[in-house]
Amino acid sequence: MMKYLIVLLVVVVVGWTMLRGSRRQPSPPKRSERPIAAPQEMVVCRHCGIHLPRSDAVAGAGGMYCTEAHRIAGPRGP
């Protein structure tokens, strides 16, 4: 008779633990530690027409260029 009480006690404890675990609220997702970068102003290369961030562009007399070689070549004609 004692062994049935022990088995019943184990079943009740396991059931209670499983029920308690399913009621828990899921923790909110953690935010990344890295701050989100601000958007950058985009410019157009006067030679080839690609868009690139202003911080990566090379300034020239005719406008902004993607590389030093395109700055030297100058703006492309129509």
PDB file of N, CA and C in Angstrom:
ATOM      1  N   MET A   1       0.819  -1.182   0.000  1.00  0.00           N
ATOM      2  CA  MET A   1       0.000   0.000   0.000  1.00  0.00           C
ATOM      3  C   MET A   1       0.872   1.258   0.000  1.00  0.00           C
ATOM      4  N   MET A   2       1.995   1.207   0.716  1.00  0.00           N
ATOM      5  CA  MET A   2       2.884   2.362   0.820  1.00  0.00           C
ATOM      6  C   MET A   2       3.490   2.706  -0.536  1.00  0.00           C
ATOM      7  N   LYS A   3       3.803   1.690  -1.337  1.00  0.00           N
ATOM      8  CA  LYS A   3       4.407   1.980  -2.633  1.00  0.00           C
ATOM      9  C   LYS A   3       3.438   2.717  -3.545  1.00  0.00           C
ATOM     10  N   TYR A   4       2.124   2.467  -3.440  1.00  0.00           N
ATOM     11  CA  TYR A   4       1.137   3.179  -4.248  1.00  0.00           C
ATOM     12  C   TYR A   4       1.047   4.645  -3.842  1.00  0.00           C
ATOM     13  N   LEU A   5       1.171   4.913  -2.566  1.00  0.00           N
ATOM     14  CA  LEU A   5       1.160   6.297  -2.093  1.00  0.00           C
ATOM     15  C   LEU A   5       2.385   7.060  -2.610  1.00  0.00           C
ATOM     16  N   ILE A   6       3.521   6.402  -2.623  1.00  0.00           N
ATOM     17  CA  ILE A   6       4.750   7.036  -3.126  1.00  0.00           C
ATOM     18  C   ILE A   6       4.619   7.296  -4.633  1.00  0.00           C
ATOM     19  N   VAL A   7       4.115   6.348  -5.389  1.00  0.00           N
ATOM     20  CA  VAL A   7       3.913   6.532  -6.821  1.00  0.00           C
ATOM     21  C   VAL A   7       2.923   7.655  -7.066  1.00  0.00           C
ATOM     22  N   LEU A   8       1.826   7.705  -6.324  1.00  0.00           N
ATOM     23  CA  LEU A   8       0.835   8.768  -6.464  1.00  0.00           C
ATOM     24  C   LEU A   8       1.457  10.127  -6.136  1.00  0.00           C
ATOM     25  N   LEU A   9       2.264  10.185  -5.095  1.00  0.00           N
ATOM     26  CA  LEU A   9       2.929  11.426  -4.720  1.00  0.00           C
ATOM     27  C   LEU A   9       3.872  11.898  -5.833  1.00  0.00           C
ATOM     28  N   VAL A  10       4.624  10.985  -6.424  1.00  0.00           N
ATOM     29  CA  VAL A  10       5.539  11.328  -7.515  1.00  0.00           C
ATOM     30  C   VAL A  10       4.741  11.836  -8.718  1.00  0.00           C
ATOM     31  N   VAL A  11       3.638  11.193  -9.061  1.00  0.00           N
ATOM     32  CA  VAL A  11       2.810  11.611 -10.193  1.00  0.00           C
ATOM     33  C   VAL A  11       2.239  13.000  -9.935  1.00  0.00           C
ATOM     34  N   VAL A  12       1.774  13.268  -8.727  1.00  0.00           N
ATOM     35  CA  VAL A  12       1.212  14.579  -8.398  1.00  0.00           C
ATOM     36  C   VAL A  12       2.289  15.653  -8.477  1.00  0.00           C
ATOM     37  N   VAL A  13       3.479  15.393  -7.956  1.00  0.00           N
ATOM     38  CA  VAL A  13       4.564  16.380  -7.983  1.00  0.00           C
ATOM     39  C   VAL A  13       4.993  16.665  -9.422  1.00  0.00           C
ATOM     40  N   VAL A  14       5.135  15.640 -10.236  1.00  0.00           N
ATOM     41  CA  VAL A  14       5.525  15.834 -11.633  1.00  0.00           C
ATOM     42  C   VAL A  14       4.438  16.603 -12.384  1.00  0.00           C
ATOM     43  N   GLY A  15       3.193  16.251 -12.184  1.00  0.00           N
ATOM     44  CA  GLY A  15       2.091  16.957 -12.840  1.00  0.00           C
ATOM     45  C   GLY A  15       2.020  18.409 -12.416  1.00  0.00           C
ATOM     46  N   TRP A  16       2.185  18.667 -11.124  1.00  0.00           N
ATOM     47  CA  TRP A  16       2.157  20.039 -10.619  1.00  0.00           C
ATOM     48  C   TRP A  16       3.313  20.858 -11.189  1.00  0.00           C
ATOM     49  N   THR A  17       4.497  20.270 -11.282  1.00  0.00           N
ATOM     50  CA  THR A  17       5.660  20.960 -11.838  1.00  0.00           C
ATOM     51  C   THR A  17       5.447  21.284 -13.317  1.00  0.00           C
ATOM     52  N   MET A  18       4.895  20.352 -14.062  1.00  0.00           N
ATOM     53  CA  MET A  18       4.655  20.593 -15.491  1.00  0.00           C
ATOM     54  C   MET A  18       3.592  21.668 -15.686  1.00  0.00           C
ATOM     55  N   LEU A  19       2.541  21.638 -14.871  1.00  0.00           N
ATOM     56  CA  LEU A  19       1.479  22.631 -14.974  1.00  0.00           C
ATOM     57  C   LEU A  19       1.999  24.015 -14.604  1.00  0.00           C
ATOM     58  N   ARG A  20       2.807  24.093 -13.592  1.00  0.00           N
ATOM     59  CA  ARG A  20       3.379  25.359 -13.153  1.00  0.00           C
ATOM     60  C   ARG A  20       4.320  25.923 -14.207  1.00  0.00           C
ATOM     61  N   GLY A  21       5.079  25.069 -14.872  1.00  0.00           N
ATOM     62  CA  GLY A  21       6.006  25.509 -15.904  1.00  0.00           C
ATOM     63  C   GLY A  21       5.287  26.042 -17.132  1.00  0.00           C
ATOM     64  N   SER A  22       4.114  25.499 -17.455  1.00  0.00           N
ATOM     65  CA  SER A  22       3.402  25.955 -18.645  1.00  0.00           C
ATOM     66  C   SER A  22       2.690  27.281 -18.404  1.00  0.00           C
ATOM     67  N   ARG A  23       2.509  27.678 -17.167  1.00  0.00           N
ATOM     68  CA  ARG A  23       1.847  28.947 -16.852  1.00  0.00           C
ATOM     69  C   ARG A  23       2.795  30.131 -16.880  1.00  0.00           C
ATOM     70  N   ARG A  24       4.062  29.885 -16.881  1.00  0.00           N
ATOM     71  CA  ARG A  24       5.036  30.985 -16.848  1.00  0.00           C
ATOM     72  C   ARG A  24       4.929  31.836 -18.100  1.00  0.00           C
ATOM     73  N   GLN A  25       5.075  33.135 -17.903  1.00  0.00           N
ATOM     74  CA  GLN A  25       5.090  34.065 -19.022  1.00  0.00           C
ATOM     75  C   GLN A  25       6.442  33.962 -19.713  1.00  0.00           C
ATOM     76  N   PRO A  26       6.443  33.908 -21.027  1.00  0.00           N
ATOM     77  CA  PRO A  26       7.736  33.881 -21.714  1.00  0.00           C
ATOM     78  C   PRO A  26       8.458  35.206 -21.495  1.00  0.00           C
ATOM     79  N   SER A  27       9.744  35.123 -21.287  1.00  0.00           N
ATOM     80  CA  SER A  27      10.514  36.342 -21.059  1.00  0.00           C
ATOM     81  C   SER A  27      10.594  37.134 -22.361  1.00  0.00           C
ATOM     82  N   PRO A  28      10.548  38.461 -22.263  1.00  0.00           N
ATOM     83  CA  PRO A  28      10.628  39.265 -23.485  1.00  0.00           C
ATOM     84  C   PRO A  28      11.987  39.094 -24.139  1.00  0.00           C
ATOM     85  N   PRO A  29      12.044  39.188 -25.461  1.00  0.00           N
ATOM     86  CA  PRO A  29      13.335  39.020 -26.144  1.00  0.00           C
ATOM     87  C   PRO A  29      14.304  40.131 -25.737  1.00  0.00           C
ATOM     88  N   LYS A  30      15.556  39.751 -25.594  1.00  0.00           N
ATOM     89  CA  LYS A  30      16.569  40.728 -25.207  1.00  0.00           C
ATOM     90  C   LYS A  30      16.896  41.625 -26.386  1.00  0.00           C
ATOM     91  N   ARG A  31      17.076  42.883 -26.087  1.00  0.00           N
ATOM     92  CA  ARG A  31      17.481  43.827 -27.130  1.00  0.00           C
ATOM     93  C   ARG A  31      18.970  43.705 -27.348  1.00  0.00           C
ATOM     94  N   SER A  32      19.367  43.960 -28.565  1.00  0.00           N
ATOM     95  CA  SER A  32      20.788  43.879 -28.866  1.00  0.00           C
ATOM     96  C   SER A  32      21.522  45.007 -28.158  1.00  0.00           C
ATOM     97  N   GLU A  33      22.728  44.742 -27.773  1.00  0.00           N
ATOM     98  CA  GLU A  33      23.537  45.724 -27.061  1.00  0.00           C
ATOM     99  C   GLU A  33      24.038  46.819 -27.986  1.00  0.00           C
ATOM    100  N   ARG A  34      24.107  46.505 -29.284  1.00  0.00           N
ATOM    101  CA  ARG A  34      24.618  47.456 -30.257  1.00  0.00           C
ATOM    102  C   ARG A  34      23.563  48.494 -30.590  1.00  0.00           C
ATOM    103  N   PRO A  35      23.893  49.773 -30.548  1.00  0.00           N
ATOM    104  CA  PRO A  35      22.900  50.770 -30.954  1.00  0.00           C
ATOM    105  C   PRO A  35      22.678  50.721 -32.462  1.00  0.00           C
ATOM    106  N   ILE A  36      21.488  51.067 -32.873  1.00  0.00           N
ATOM    107  CA  ILE A  36      21.153  51.070 -34.298  1.00  0.00           C
ATOM    108  C   ILE A  36      21.769  52.311 -34.936  1.00  0.00           C
ATOM    109  N   ALA A  37      22.445  52.101 -36.050  1.00  0.00           N
ATOM    110  CA  ALA A  37      23.113  53.205 -36.740  1.00  0.00           C
ATOM    111  C   ALA A  37      22.077  54.125 -37.382  1.00  0.00           C
ATOM    112  N   ALA A  38      22.371  55.408 -37.340  1.00  0.00           N
ATOM    113  CA  ALA A  38      21.485  56.394 -37.955  1.00  0.00           C
ATOM    114  C   ALA A  38      21.601  56.298 -39.473  1.00  0.00           C
ATOM    115  N   PRO A  39      20.537  56.607 -40.202  1.00  0.00           N
ATOM    116  CA  PRO A  39      20.620  56.571 -41.661  1.00  0.00           C
ATOM    117  C   PRO A  39      21.615  57.603 -42.176  1.00  0.00           C
ATOM    118  N   GLN A  40      22.266  57.267 -43.266  1.00  0.00           N
ATOM    119  CA  GLN A  40      23.255  58.170 -43.847  1.00  0.00           C
ATOM    120  C   GLN A  40      22.698  58.794 -45.120  1.00  0.00           C
ATOM    121  N   GLU A  41      23.172  59.997 -45.410  1.00  0.00           N
ATOM    122  CA  GLU A  41      22.771  60.659 -46.638  1.00  0.00           C
ATOM    123  C   GLU A  41      23.453  59.958 -47.815  1.00  0.00           C
ATOM    124  N   MET A  42      22.678  59.698 -48.854  1.00  0.00           N
ATOM    125  CA  MET A  42      23.199  59.025 -50.032  1.00  0.00           C
ATOM    126  C   MET A  42      23.463  60.051 -51.128  1.00  0.00           C
ATOM    127  N   VAL A  43      24.533  59.826 -51.891  1.00  0.00           N
ATOM    128  CA  VAL A  43      24.882  60.691 -53.023  1.00  0.00           C
ATOM    129  C   VAL A  43      25.067  59.819 -54.256  1.00  0.00           C
ATOM    130  N   VAL A  44      25.081  60.461 -55.415  1.00  0.00           N
ATOM    131  CA  VAL A  44      25.225  59.758 -56.688  1.00  0.00           C
ATOM    132  C   VAL A  44      26.594  60.088 -57.278  1.00  0.00           C
ATOM    133  N   CYS A  45      27.316  59.065 -57.724  1.00  0.00           N
ATOM    134  CA  CYS A  45      28.592  59.283 -58.399  1.00  0.00           C
ATOM    135  C   CYS A  45      28.309  59.962 -59.735  1.00  0.00           C
ATOM    136  N   ARG A  46      28.996  61.072 -59.992  1.00  0.00           N
ATOM    137  CA  ARG A  46      28.768  61.836 -61.227  1.00  0.00           C
ATOM    138  C   ARG A  46      29.312  61.113 -62.461  1.00  0.00           C
ATOM    139  N   HIS A  47      30.166  60.122 -62.247  1.00  0.00           N
ATOM    140  CA  HIS A  47      30.749  59.402 -63.393  1.00  0.00           C
ATOM    141  C   HIS A  47      29.933  58.161 -63.764  1.00  0.00           C
ATOM    142  N   CYS A  48      29.664  57.291 -62.776  1.00  0.00           N
ATOM    143  CA  CYS A  48      29.003  56.021 -63.108  1.00  0.00           C
ATOM    144  C   CYS A  48      27.548  55.954 -62.651  1.00  0.00           C
ATOM    145  N   GLY A  49      27.119  56.865 -61.790  1.00  0.00           N
ATOM    146  CA  GLY A  49      25.717  56.917 -61.394  1.00  0.00           C
ATOM    147  C   GLY A  49      25.312  56.044 -60.227  1.00  0.00           C
ATOM    148  N   ILE A  50      26.252  55.347 -59.569  1.00  0.00           N
ATOM    149  CA  ILE A  50      25.849  54.524 -58.435  1.00  0.00           C
ATOM    150  C   ILE A  50      25.577  55.411 -57.223  1.00  0.00           C
ATOM    151  N   HIS A  51      24.744  54.918 -56.323  1.00  0.00           N
ATOM    152  CA  HIS A  51      24.443  55.623 -55.089  1.00  0.00           C
ATOM    153  C   HIS A  51      25.337  55.054 -53.994  1.00  0.00           C
ATOM    154  N   LEU A  52      25.882  55.927 -53.154  1.00  0.00           N
ATOM    155  CA  LEU A  52      26.731  55.501 -52.058  1.00  0.00           C
ATOM    156  C   LEU A  52      26.595  56.486 -50.916  1.00  0.00           C
ATOM    157  N   PRO A  53      26.940  56.070 -49.685  1.00  0.00           N
ATOM    158  CA  PRO A  53      26.865  56.984 -48.552  1.00  0.00           C
ATOM    159  C   PRO A  53      27.837  58.146 -48.730  1.00  0.00           C
ATOM    160  N   ARG A  54      27.429  59.322 -48.267  1.00  0.00           N
ATOM    161  CA  ARG A  54      28.268  60.507 -48.392  1.00  0.00           C
ATOM    162  C   ARG A  54      29.619  60.289 -47.707  1.00  0.00           C
ATOM    163  N   SER A  55      29.642  59.529 -46.608  1.00  0.00           N
ATOM    164  CA  SER A  55      30.902  59.305 -45.881  1.00  0.00           C
ATOM    165  C   SER A  55      31.902  58.495 -46.710  1.00  0.00           C
ATOM    166  N   ASP A  56      31.446  57.702 -47.690  1.00  0.00           N
ATOM    167  CA  ASP A  56      32.333  56.902 -48.536  1.00  0.00           C
ATOM    168  C   ASP A  56      32.690  57.602 -49.847  1.00  0.00           C
ATOM    169  N   ALA A  57      32.023  58.701 -50.139  1.00  0.00           N
ATOM    170  CA  ALA A  57      32.209  59.374 -51.426  1.00  0.00           C
ATOM    171  C   ALA A  57      33.467  60.246 -51.420  1.00  0.00           C
ATOM    172  N   VAL A  58      33.978  60.508 -52.631  1.00  0.00           N
ATOM    173  CA  VAL A  58      35.133  61.383 -52.842  1.00  0.00           C
ATOM    174  C   VAL A  58      34.607  62.659 -53.487  1.00  0.00           C
ATOM    175  N   ALA A  59      34.870  63.788 -52.840  1.00  0.00           N
ATOM    176  CA  ALA A  59      34.387  65.067 -53.361  1.00  0.00           C
ATOM    177  C   ALA A  59      35.316  65.564 -54.458  1.00  0.00           C
ATOM    178  N   GLY A  60      34.723  66.110 -55.513  1.00  0.00           N
ATOM    179  CA  GLY A  60      35.489  66.684 -56.614  1.00  0.00           C
ATOM    180  C   GLY A  60      34.841  67.972 -57.075  1.00  0.00           C
ATOM    181  N   ALA A  61      35.456  68.610 -58.031  1.00  0.00           N
ATOM    182  CA  ALA A  61      34.940  69.880 -58.521  1.00  0.00           C
ATOM    183  C   ALA A  61      33.574  69.717 -59.182  1.00  0.00           C
ATOM    184  N   GLY A  62      33.334  68.594 -59.820  1.00  0.00           N
ATOM    185  CA  GLY A  62      32.069  68.376 -60.511  1.00  0.00           C
ATOM    186  C   GLY A  62      31.007  67.738 -59.647  1.00  0.00           C
ATOM    187  N   GLY A  63      31.295  67.422 -58.406  1.00  0.00           N
ATOM    188  CA  GLY A  63      30.318  66.781 -57.521  1.00  0.00           C
ATOM    189  C   GLY A  63      30.965  65.657 -56.722  1.00  0.00           C
ATOM    190  N   MET A  64      30.173  64.637 -56.418  1.00  0.00           N
ATOM    191  CA  MET A  64      30.640  63.515 -55.605  1.00  0.00           C
ATOM    192  C   MET A  64      30.912  62.308 -56.512  1.00  0.00           C
ATOM    193  N   TYR A  65      31.945  61.536 -56.158  1.00  0.00           N
ATOM    194  CA  TYR A  65      32.354  60.375 -56.947  1.00  0.00           C
ATOM    195  C   TYR A  65      32.543  59.174 -56.023  1.00  0.00           C
ATOM    196  N   CYS A  66      32.469  57.984 -56.599  1.00  0.00           N
ATOM    197  CA  CYS A  66      32.611  56.763 -55.797  1.00  0.00           C
ATOM    198  C   CYS A  66      34.071  56.409 -55.547  1.00  0.00           C
ATOM    199  N   THR A  67      34.975  56.771 -56.460  1.00  0.00           N
ATOM    200  CA  THR A  67      36.399  56.475 -56.293  1.00  0.00           C
ATOM    201  C   THR A  67      37.231  57.660 -56.780  1.00  0.00           C
ATOM    202  N   GLU A  68      38.488  57.622 -56.418  1.00  0.00           N
ATOM    203  CA  GLU A  68      39.413  58.664 -56.864  1.00  0.00           C
ATOM    204  C   GLU A  68      39.579  58.627 -58.391  1.00  0.00           C
ATOM    205  N   ALA A  69      39.554  57.433 -58.969  1.00  0.00           N
ATOM    206  CA  ALA A  69      39.695  57.302 -60.424  1.00  0.00           C
ATOM    207  C   ALA A  69      38.523  57.972 -61.146  1.00  0.00           C
ATOM    208  N   HIS A  70      37.318  57.819 -60.613  1.00  0.00           N
ATOM    209  CA  HIS A  70      36.169  58.468 -61.235  1.00  0.00           C
ATOM    210  C   HIS A  70      36.216  59.982 -61.026  1.00  0.00           C
ATOM    211  N   ARG A  71      36.774  60.443 -59.901  1.00  0.00           N
ATOM    212  CA  ARG A  71      36.920  61.880 -59.685  1.00  0.00           C
ATOM    213  C   ARG A  71      37.872  62.464 -60.723  1.00  0.00           C
ATOM    214  N   ILE A  72      38.964  61.763 -60.993  1.00  0.00           N
ATOM    215  CA  ILE A  72      39.946  62.223 -61.981  1.00  0.00           C
ATOM    216  C   ILE A  72      39.337  62.192 -63.384  1.00  0.00           C
ATOM    217  N   ALA A  73      38.541  61.157 -63.679  1.00  0.00           N
ATOM    218  CA  ALA A  73      37.923  61.054 -65.000  1.00  0.00           C
ATOM    219  C   ALA A  73      36.864  62.130 -65.213  1.00  0.00           C
ATOM    220  N   GLY A  74      36.254  62.592 -64.140  1.00  0.00           N
ATOM    221  CA  GLY A  74      35.256  63.651 -64.229  1.00  0.00           C
ATOM    222  C   GLY A  74      33.877  63.118 -64.562  1.00  0.00           C
ATOM    223  N   PRO A  75      32.927  64.023 -64.692  1.00  0.00           N
ATOM    224  CA  PRO A  75      31.550  63.609 -64.983  1.00  0.00           C
ATOM    225  C   PRO A  75      31.433  63.000 -66.383  1.00  0.00           C
ATOM    226  N   ARG A  76      30.594  62.019 -66.489  1.00  0.00           N
ATOM    227  CA  ARG A  76      30.355  61.374 -67.777  1.00  0.00           C
ATOM    228  C   ARG A  76      29.387  62.251 -68.569  1.00  0.00           C
ATOM    229  N   GLY A  77      29.621  62.318 -69.832  1.00  0.00           N
ATOM    230  CA  GLY A  77      28.755  63.113 -70.704  1.00  0.00           C
ATOM    231  C   GLY A  77      27.420  62.431 -70.951  1.00  0.00           C
ATOM    232  N   PRO A  78      26.503  63.133 -71.589  1.00  0.00           N
ATOM    233  CA  PRO A  78      25.167  62.565 -71.851  1.00  0.00           C
ATOM    234  C   PRO A  78      25.218  61.452 -72.782  1.00  0.00           C
TER     235      PRO A  78
END
